[in-house]
Amino acid sequence: MSNRNWNQTLFIVFIIFACLLLQFLFTTLRIRELVRPLTSNSGENTSRHVVLISQELDNPYWRSIEQGAREASKQYGINMEYLGPFRINPAEQTKLLEKAIAAKADAVLVQGINDLNYRALIDKAADRGIPVITVDTDEPGSRRLSYVGTNNWEAGTNMGELVVQAAGKRGSIGVLVGNEQADNQRLRLAGFQSVINQYPELTIADVRSSNISRLQAARQAEEILSSHPQVGFMVGFSALDGVGIMEAVSHVKQREVSIFAFDDLAETKEGIRHCSIASTLVQQPYQMGYDAVSLIHGYFQGKNPETAQHFTPTSVLNRQKLTNGTGSNCQ
C-alpha cells in the first residue's frame, strides 16, 4: 500500500474514533442530566417523617389542626402522618405514641393527657432523639420540646371578664369543664376563678364535668339549673359545652340564663345568631398545627424553640362580630 493510501486510512480511522469519542461524551452528559432529577427525588422521598396524633380522628377541631400542620409540612417538604382514635380514648393515644416511637418517627406532635405513663413515653422519645411537641393541651413535667396552643389561664381570665361585664359584678354561675383531669381545662377554670373571686357578690354555684360529650353537657347543665335555681349564668370550657347548655336551658321554663361558650362550632355560632348564647371564646387550631410543624422544622435546622410555651391567640365572638356589625349584641 502506498504512503498516500495509508495516510488516508489513518485519517478515516481517526475521524471514526473521534466521532465515537464525541458520541460517548454526549451520552455520558445525557445520562447525568437524566440521573440528576432522580437524585433530587430520592432526597424528597427520604424527607423527615412527622406524626401528628389527635385526640379524636374526625373531630372538626383536630381536623383544623391537621390542615394547618399539612400546610406547613408542604411548605417545608416534610412528610406528615395524621393518626388518632375514632372516639376519644387516652389509652389509644398512648398506643399510637408508642408505635410512632417504635417506627422511629423524626418527630411527634401530641395532645397532653396528664398521665404518668404518657409522660414517660414522651421522655423515652426524647432519649431516642425524637422531639415531641404538645399541641392544644400540654403535658407538664415531661421533656417535650415545646407546647403550642392557647394560653389557657389567660383564656379563663378572659372568660371571667366577659361574665363580670354581663353580670354587673353580681350573680350566680354554673360551670362545665370538658375533663377535670385535663391540664387545659384546669387552667381555664383556675383563671376564671381568679377573676370571679374578686367580686364577693358574684359566686360559682357548681362546677361539673361534661366528659367532652354534648349529651353529658346537657345533662350536667340541667342538673345545675335544677339544683341551683338562682343560677343566671352558665359557662362551658370545652367545645361541646355551649350547645349542651343551650339544650338544657331550653328545657327550663321561664328561666333566663346567659351562656358563655368555647370555640366556634357551627351550632355555637347559630346559637349566638339567635341570642341563645351570649358569646364564645374562639381558639386558633389551624394556627396551632401550622406553628407546631414550623417549630419542628426549625429544630431540624438546628434552632431550638425560643420559649417552652408557644401561645396562639384567642378572640371573642359575639352577635355583633358574627353579623359584621349589622346586628346588635343580645340584651
Protein backbone atom coordinates (compact mmCIF):
# COMPACT_ATOMS: atom_id res chain seq x y z
CA MET A 1 0.00 0.00 0.00
CA SER A 2 1.36 3.45 -0.89
CA ASN A 3 2.06 6.02 1.79
CA ARG A 4 -0.78 8.15 0.43
CA ASN A 5 -3.36 5.39 0.83
CA TRP A 6 -2.00 4.57 4.27
CA ASN A 7 -2.36 8.17 5.41
CA GLN A 8 -5.92 8.31 4.10
CA THR A 9 -6.79 5.13 6.01
CA LEU A 10 -5.31 6.52 9.23
CA PHE A 11 -7.26 9.75 8.75
CA ILE A 12 -10.55 7.87 8.30
CA VAL A 13 -9.84 5.74 11.38
CA PHE A 14 -9.10 8.91 13.36
CA ILE A 15 -12.35 10.52 12.23
CA ILE A 16 -14.33 7.41 13.20
CA PHE A 17 -12.60 7.28 16.58
CA ALA A 18 -13.24 10.98 17.20
CA CYS A 19 -16.93 10.56 16.33
CA LEU A 20 -17.23 7.60 18.70
CA LEU A 21 -15.48 9.60 21.43
CA LEU A 22 -17.81 12.56 20.97
CA GLN A 23 -20.83 10.24 20.94
CA PHE A 24 -19.65 8.65 24.19
CA LEU A 25 -19.14 12.09 25.74
CA PHE A 26 -22.63 13.29 24.73
CA THR A 27 -24.17 10.06 26.03
CA THR A 28 -22.41 10.49 29.38
CA LEU A 29 -23.65 14.05 29.72
CA ARG A 30 -27.17 12.98 28.82
CA ILE A 31 -27.13 10.22 31.45
CA ARG A 32 -26.02 12.74 34.06
CA GLU A 33 -28.92 15.01 33.16
CA LEU A 34 -31.35 12.12 33.49
CA VAL A 35 -29.92 10.93 36.80
CA ARG A 36 -29.96 14.39 38.43
CA PRO A 37 -33.76 14.57 38.83
CA LEU A 38 -33.80 11.04 40.19
CA THR A 39 -31.23 12.03 42.80
CA SER A 40 -33.33 15.04 43.74
CA ASN A 41 -36.48 12.95 44.02
CA SER A 42 -34.74 10.41 46.22
CA GLY A 43 -33.98 13.28 48.63
CA GLU A 44 -37.69 14.12 48.75
CA ASN A 45 -38.60 10.50 49.40
CA THR A 46 -36.31 10.47 52.42
CA SER A 47 -37.78 13.69 53.86
CA ARG A 48 -38.50 13.99 57.57
CA HIS A 49 -41.39 11.90 58.87
CA VAL A 50 -43.54 13.73 61.43
CA VAL A 51 -46.52 12.06 63.16
CA LEU A 52 -49.49 14.09 64.44
CA ILE A 53 -51.61 12.16 66.97
CA SER A 54 -55.02 13.73 67.53
CA GLN A 55 -57.46 13.37 70.41
CA GLU A 56 -60.19 12.19 68.03
CA LEU A 57 -59.59 11.45 64.36
CA ASP A 58 -62.57 13.18 62.72
CA ASN A 59 -63.19 15.87 65.31
CA PRO A 60 -63.58 19.19 63.38
CA TYR A 61 -61.26 20.96 65.82
CA TRP A 62 -58.49 18.39 65.27
CA ARG A 63 -59.09 18.38 61.54
CA SER A 64 -58.33 22.11 61.62
CA ILE A 65 -55.08 21.38 63.46
CA GLU A 66 -54.30 18.79 60.79
CA GLN A 67 -54.94 21.29 57.98
CA GLY A 68 -52.51 23.79 59.48
CA ALA A 69 -49.91 21.08 60.04
CA ARG A 70 -50.25 19.83 56.45
CA GLU A 71 -49.89 23.32 55.03
CA ALA A 72 -46.64 23.86 56.94
CA SER A 73 -45.44 20.33 56.04
CA LYS A 74 -45.98 21.03 52.37
CA GLN A 75 -44.07 24.31 52.66
CA TYR A 76 -41.08 22.68 54.40
CA GLY A 77 -41.03 19.40 52.45
CA ILE A 78 -41.98 17.30 55.48
CA ASN A 79 -43.87 14.01 55.24
CA MET A 80 -46.69 14.30 57.82
CA GLU A 81 -48.82 11.40 59.05
CA TYR A 82 -52.12 12.10 60.84
CA LEU A 83 -53.38 9.50 63.34
CA GLY A 84 -55.88 9.29 66.18
CA PRO A 85 -58.60 7.19 67.84
CA PHE A 86 -62.04 7.17 66.21
CA ARG A 87 -63.53 8.11 69.59
CA ILE A 88 -61.81 9.91 72.46
CA ASN A 89 -59.63 7.27 74.07
CA PRO A 90 -56.45 8.24 76.00
CA ALA A 91 -55.29 4.60 76.04
CA GLU A 92 -55.39 4.54 72.23
CA GLN A 93 -53.46 7.83 72.08
CA THR A 94 -50.81 6.22 74.27
CA LYS A 95 -50.57 3.17 71.98
CA LEU A 96 -50.21 5.41 68.92
CA LEU A 97 -47.39 7.32 70.61
CA GLU A 98 -45.65 4.02 71.41
CA LYS A 99 -45.96 2.96 67.75
CA ALA A 100 -44.60 6.29 66.49
CA ILE A 101 -41.54 5.89 68.73
CA ALA A 102 -41.04 2.26 67.65
CA ALA A 103 -41.30 3.33 63.99
CA LYS A 104 -38.51 5.87 64.62
CA ALA A 105 -40.52 8.90 63.52
CA ASP A 106 -38.38 12.02 63.17
CA ALA A 107 -40.79 13.99 65.39
CA VAL A 108 -44.19 13.58 67.04
CA LEU A 109 -46.94 16.11 67.74
CA VAL A 110 -49.32 15.02 70.51
CA GLN A 111 -52.04 16.25 72.83
CA GLY A 112 -51.12 16.07 76.51
CA ILE A 113 -53.40 13.79 78.55
CA ASN A 114 -51.99 14.33 82.07
CA ASP A 115 -50.83 10.75 82.52
CA LEU A 116 -47.62 9.45 84.10
CA ASN A 117 -47.14 6.63 81.56
CA TYR A 118 -47.74 9.04 78.69
CA ARG A 119 -45.22 11.45 80.20
CA ALA A 120 -42.71 8.61 80.42
CA LEU A 121 -43.23 7.84 76.73
CA ILE A 122 -42.53 11.47 75.81
CA ASP A 123 -39.32 11.25 77.83
CA LYS A 124 -38.47 7.96 76.10
CA ALA A 125 -38.86 9.66 72.73
CA ALA A 126 -36.54 12.46 73.86
CA ASP A 127 -33.96 9.87 74.95
CA ARG A 128 -34.07 8.42 71.43
CA GLY A 129 -33.61 11.80 69.79
CA ILE A 130 -37.26 12.15 68.73
CA PRO A 131 -38.54 15.65 69.55
CA VAL A 132 -42.11 15.85 70.84
CA ILE A 133 -44.32 18.93 70.75
CA THR A 134 -47.57 19.03 72.70
CA VAL A 135 -50.47 20.66 70.86
CA ASP A 136 -53.75 22.01 72.34
CA THR A 137 -53.01 20.54 75.79
CA ASP A 138 -49.61 20.48 77.48
CA GLU A 139 -48.01 17.60 79.37
CA PRO A 140 -46.30 19.41 82.26
CA GLY A 141 -43.23 17.75 83.71
CA SER A 142 -42.38 15.90 80.50
CA ARG A 143 -39.36 16.53 78.30
CA ARG A 144 -41.46 17.75 75.42
CA LEU A 145 -39.69 20.27 73.20
CA SER A 146 -42.43 22.90 73.45
CA TYR A 147 -46.17 23.40 73.92
CA VAL A 148 -48.18 25.01 71.10
CA GLY A 149 -51.70 26.19 71.84
CA THR A 150 -53.92 28.52 73.81
CA ASN A 151 -52.72 30.28 76.95
CA ASN A 152 -55.43 28.55 78.95
CA TRP A 153 -55.02 30.55 82.16
CA GLU A 154 -55.43 33.74 80.18
CA ALA A 155 -58.44 32.27 78.32
CA GLY A 156 -60.02 31.56 81.71
CA THR A 157 -59.45 35.13 82.90
CA ASN A 158 -60.88 36.47 79.64
CA MET A 159 -63.99 34.36 80.20
CA GLY A 160 -64.24 35.69 83.75
CA GLU A 161 -64.11 39.26 82.49
CA LEU A 162 -66.90 38.54 79.98
CA VAL A 163 -69.14 37.20 82.76
CA VAL A 164 -68.30 40.10 85.09
CA GLN A 165 -69.22 42.56 82.36
CA ALA A 166 -72.53 40.80 81.70
CA ALA A 167 -73.41 40.18 85.36
CA GLY A 168 -72.61 43.60 86.69
CA LYS A 169 -70.42 42.04 89.41
CA ARG A 170 -73.36 40.21 91.00
CA GLY A 171 -74.96 36.84 90.33
CA SER A 172 -74.62 33.05 90.45
CA ILE A 173 -72.69 30.99 87.90
CA GLY A 174 -72.74 27.36 86.84
CA VAL A 175 -69.60 25.98 85.15
CA LEU A 176 -68.88 22.98 82.91
CA VAL A 177 -65.39 21.71 82.12
CA GLY A 178 -64.67 19.11 79.46
CA ASN A 179 -62.46 16.93 81.64
CA GLU A 180 -61.45 17.71 85.22
CA GLN A 181 -58.06 15.98 84.73
CA ALA A 182 -57.07 17.77 81.53
CA ASP A 183 -54.41 20.42 82.05
CA ASN A 184 -56.05 22.91 79.68
CA GLN A 185 -59.45 22.63 81.44
CA ARG A 186 -57.94 23.01 84.90
CA LEU A 187 -56.03 26.11 83.84
CA ARG A 188 -59.12 27.69 82.25
CA LEU A 189 -61.13 27.08 85.40
CA ALA A 190 -58.37 28.43 87.64
CA GLY A 191 -58.03 31.58 85.54
CA PHE A 192 -61.80 32.04 85.59
CA GLN A 193 -61.98 31.60 89.37
CA SER A 194 -59.18 34.14 89.88
CA VAL A 195 -61.39 36.81 88.31
CA ILE A 196 -64.73 35.80 89.83
CA ASN A 197 -63.22 35.58 93.33
CA GLN A 198 -62.53 39.31 93.20
CA TYR A 199 -66.27 40.03 93.46
CA PRO A 200 -67.93 38.84 96.70
CA GLU A 201 -71.44 39.08 95.25
CA LEU A 202 -70.52 37.03 92.17
CA THR A 203 -70.31 33.34 93.06
CA ILE A 204 -69.74 29.98 91.36
CA ALA A 205 -72.62 27.73 92.42
CA ASP A 206 -71.33 24.48 90.91
CA VAL A 207 -68.61 23.04 88.65
CA ARG A 208 -69.23 19.79 86.77
CA SER A 209 -67.57 17.76 84.02
CA SER A 210 -69.18 17.11 80.63
CA ASN A 211 -66.55 14.48 79.67
CA ILE A 212 -66.35 16.23 76.30
CA SER A 213 -69.84 14.99 75.45
CA ARG A 214 -72.76 17.08 74.26
CA LEU A 215 -75.19 14.68 75.91
CA GLN A 216 -73.34 14.86 79.23
CA ALA A 217 -73.05 18.64 78.93
CA ALA A 218 -76.82 18.95 78.53
CA ARG A 219 -77.46 16.57 81.43
CA GLN A 220 -74.99 18.19 83.82
CA ALA A 221 -76.16 21.70 82.93
CA GLU A 222 -79.79 20.76 83.54
CA GLU A 223 -78.87 19.31 86.94
CA ILE A 224 -77.04 22.50 87.87
CA LEU A 225 -80.01 24.64 86.85
CA SER A 226 -82.43 22.39 88.75
CA SER A 227 -80.28 22.27 91.90
CA HIS A 228 -79.43 25.97 91.87
CA PRO A 229 -82.45 28.00 90.73
CA GLN A 230 -80.54 31.23 91.39
CA VAL A 231 -78.02 30.50 88.61
CA GLY A 232 -78.34 33.09 85.85
CA PHE A 233 -75.05 32.49 84.04
CA MET A 234 -73.60 29.29 82.58
CA VAL A 235 -70.05 28.85 81.30
CA GLY A 236 -68.64 25.97 79.25
CA PHE A 237 -64.91 25.46 78.80
CA SER A 238 -64.91 22.80 76.06
CA ALA A 239 -66.33 22.96 72.55
CA LEU A 240 -69.47 20.88 73.12
CA ASP A 241 -70.42 22.51 76.43
CA GLY A 242 -72.06 25.58 74.93
CA VAL A 243 -74.53 23.69 72.75
CA GLY A 244 -75.21 21.25 75.61
CA ILE A 245 -76.00 24.12 77.98
CA MET A 246 -78.20 25.71 75.32
CA GLU A 247 -80.20 22.49 75.09
CA ALA A 248 -80.55 22.31 78.89
CA VAL A 249 -81.74 25.91 79.14
CA SER A 250 -84.43 25.23 76.54
CA HIS A 251 -85.89 22.63 78.95
CA VAL A 252 -86.05 25.07 81.86
CA LYS A 253 -89.27 27.07 81.55
CA GLN A 254 -89.44 30.77 82.41
CA ARG A 255 -85.71 30.92 83.12
CA GLU A 256 -83.33 33.44 81.65
CA VAL A 257 -79.74 32.21 81.52
CA SER A 258 -76.76 33.87 79.80
CA ILE A 259 -74.49 31.27 78.20
CA PHE A 260 -70.78 31.72 77.53
CA ALA A 261 -69.19 29.07 75.32
CA PHE A 262 -65.80 27.95 73.98
CA ASP A 263 -64.75 27.50 70.32
CA ASP A 264 -66.81 28.18 67.22
CA LEU A 265 -68.76 25.07 66.26
CA ALA A 266 -71.48 25.75 63.69
CA GLU A 267 -74.20 25.18 66.32
CA THR A 268 -72.46 27.54 68.72
CA LYS A 269 -72.42 30.28 66.10
CA GLU A 270 -76.07 29.59 65.27
CA GLY A 271 -76.88 29.97 68.97
CA ILE A 272 -75.11 33.33 69.01
CA ARG A 273 -77.07 34.49 65.95
CA HIS A 274 -80.34 33.68 67.72
CA CYS A 275 -79.20 35.20 71.03
CA SER A 276 -79.29 31.82 72.81
CA ILE A 277 -75.55 32.14 73.51
CA ALA A 278 -74.08 35.48 74.59
CA SER A 279 -70.56 34.93 73.24
CA THR A 280 -67.81 32.37 72.77
CA LEU A 281 -64.03 32.35 73.12
CA VAL A 282 -62.50 31.14 69.85
CA GLN A 283 -59.17 29.32 69.63
CA GLN A 284 -56.95 29.02 66.53
CA PRO A 285 -56.49 25.27 65.87
CA TYR A 286 -55.24 25.80 62.29
CA GLN A 287 -52.52 28.10 63.64
CA MET A 288 -51.60 25.53 66.29
CA GLY A 289 -50.93 22.87 63.66
CA TYR A 290 -49.03 25.25 61.39
CA ASP A 291 -46.86 26.66 64.19
CA ALA A 292 -46.10 23.21 65.66
CA VAL A 293 -44.70 21.94 62.35
CA SER A 294 -42.83 25.22 61.85
CA LEU A 295 -41.13 24.78 65.23
CA ILE A 296 -40.19 21.21 64.32
CA HIS A 297 -38.75 22.40 61.00
CA GLY A 298 -36.68 24.98 62.84
CA TYR A 299 -35.46 22.28 65.23
CA PHE A 300 -34.38 20.15 62.25
CA GLN A 301 -32.39 23.18 61.09
CA GLY A 302 -30.62 23.42 64.45
CA LYS A 303 -32.88 26.05 66.06
CA ASN A 304 -34.39 25.27 69.44
CA PRO A 305 -37.74 26.93 70.25
CA GLU A 306 -37.25 30.33 71.88
CA THR A 307 -39.75 29.51 74.65
CA ALA A 308 -41.11 26.35 76.26
CA GLN A 309 -44.65 27.57 75.51
CA HIS A 310 -45.74 28.95 72.15
CA PHE A 311 -49.15 30.55 72.63
CA THR A 312 -51.67 31.01 69.83
CA PRO A 313 -54.28 33.77 70.18
CA THR A 314 -57.96 33.62 71.13
CA SER A 315 -60.74 36.04 70.24
CA VAL A 316 -64.26 36.81 71.45
CA LEU A 317 -67.10 36.09 69.03
CA ASN A 318 -70.49 37.70 69.73
CA ARG A 319 -73.52 38.53 67.62
CA GLN A 320 -72.19 41.90 66.51
CA LYS A 321 -68.96 40.38 65.21
CA LEU A 322 -70.76 37.40 63.70
CA THR A 323 -73.05 39.69 61.69
CA ASN A 324 -70.21 42.05 60.72
CA GLY A 325 -71.66 44.86 62.76
CA THR A 326 -75.12 44.71 61.19
CA GLY A 327 -76.69 43.16 64.28
CA SER A 328 -76.59 44.47 67.85
CA ASN A 329 -75.48 42.43 70.83
CA CYS A 330 -78.17 40.44 72.61
CA GLN A 331 -79.85 42.11 75.58
